Amino acid sequence: MDIAYFKKGERLIQASSSPDVLYIIIKGIVQEIQDEQLVSVYVSQDSFDAMSLLNGNNKNDYIVKEELICYA
């Protein structure tokens, strides 16, 4: 695993894409968005989108809400 940095507003994972890494948040906030609606919020020590990684199919966007440092 590597440590990655993302700026506020960046899209980590786009809907209908195939994610290739699991993100584990060290610091920051990520929002999960589906059809322009907030689905979930992820913070320090959370991981997200593991099922999409296994299935190879993602339904939601994951947007950095607050500067993000994570394992990827």
Protein backbone atom coordinates (compact mmCIF):
# COMPACT_ATOMS: atom_id res chain seq x y z
CA MET A 1 0.00 0.00 0.00
CA ASP A 2 1.06 3.54 -0.74
CA ILE A 3 0.11 6.80 0.96
CA ALA A 4 -1.81 9.12 -1.35
CA TYR A 5 -2.88 12.78 -1.16
CA PHE A 6 -5.97 14.31 -2.77
CA LYS A 7 -7.20 17.90 -2.78
CA LYS A 8 -10.68 19.02 -1.77
CA GLY A 9 -13.11 18.57 -4.65
CA GLU A 10 -11.23 15.75 -6.39
CA ARG A 11 -13.22 12.75 -7.58
CA LEU A 12 -11.56 9.60 -6.25
CA ILE A 13 -13.86 7.13 -7.94
CA GLN A 14 -16.38 7.87 -10.67
CA ALA A 15 -19.71 6.08 -11.00
CA SER A 16 -19.64 3.21 -13.53
CA SER A 17 -15.86 2.88 -13.23
CA SER A 18 -13.90 -0.14 -12.05
CA PRO A 19 -11.87 0.78 -8.95
CA ASP A 20 -8.44 -0.81 -8.70
CA VAL A 21 -7.44 0.04 -5.11
CA LEU A 22 -8.98 0.08 -1.64
CA TYR A 23 -8.76 3.46 0.08
CA ILE A 24 -8.28 3.69 3.86
CA ILE A 25 -8.55 7.23 5.20
CA ILE A 26 -5.76 8.53 7.43
CA LYS A 27 -6.99 12.14 7.49
CA GLY A 28 -9.80 13.92 5.67
CA ILE A 29 -13.39 13.39 4.57
CA VAL A 30 -14.88 11.64 1.53
CA GLN A 31 -18.52 11.81 0.45
CA GLU A 32 -20.30 9.04 -1.43
CA ILE A 33 -22.78 10.51 -3.93
CA GLN A 34 -25.44 8.73 -5.99
CA ASP A 35 -27.66 10.66 -8.41
CA GLU A 36 -26.56 13.95 -6.81
CA GLN A 37 -27.73 12.71 -3.37
CA LEU A 38 -25.42 12.17 -0.38
CA VAL A 39 -25.30 8.46 0.48
CA SER A 40 -22.54 8.33 3.10
CA VAL A 41 -19.62 10.21 4.64
CA TYR A 42 -16.26 8.57 5.39
CA VAL A 43 -13.67 9.86 7.87
CA SER A 44 -10.38 8.82 9.50
CA GLN A 45 -9.88 5.04 9.72
CA ASP A 46 -12.79 4.32 7.35
CA SER A 47 -12.39 2.39 4.12
CA PHE A 48 -14.91 2.53 1.31
CA ASP A 49 -16.07 0.85 -1.87
CA ALA A 50 -14.59 -2.58 -1.04
CA MET A 51 -17.52 -4.41 -2.68
CA SER A 52 -17.02 -2.51 -5.93
CA LEU A 53 -13.36 -3.48 -5.86
CA LEU A 54 -14.36 -7.14 -5.60
CA ASN A 55 -17.22 -6.91 -8.12
CA GLY A 56 -15.42 -4.62 -10.56
CA ASN A 57 -18.49 -2.38 -10.75
CA ASN A 58 -19.06 0.92 -8.98
CA LYS A 59 -22.43 2.72 -8.79
CA ASN A 60 -21.48 5.91 -6.93
CA ASP A 61 -19.11 8.87 -7.07
CA TYR A 62 -16.62 9.39 -4.24
CA ILE A 63 -15.66 13.03 -3.79
CA VAL A 64 -13.03 14.51 -1.46
CA LYS A 65 -14.86 16.91 0.87
CA GLU A 66 -11.82 17.79 3.01
CA GLU A 67 -8.15 17.42 2.07
CA LEU A 68 -7.42 13.68 2.06
CA ILE A 69 -4.43 11.58 3.08
CA CYS A 70 -5.06 7.86 2.70
CA TYR A 71 -3.60 4.45 2.10
CA ALA A 72 -4.23 3.34 -1.46
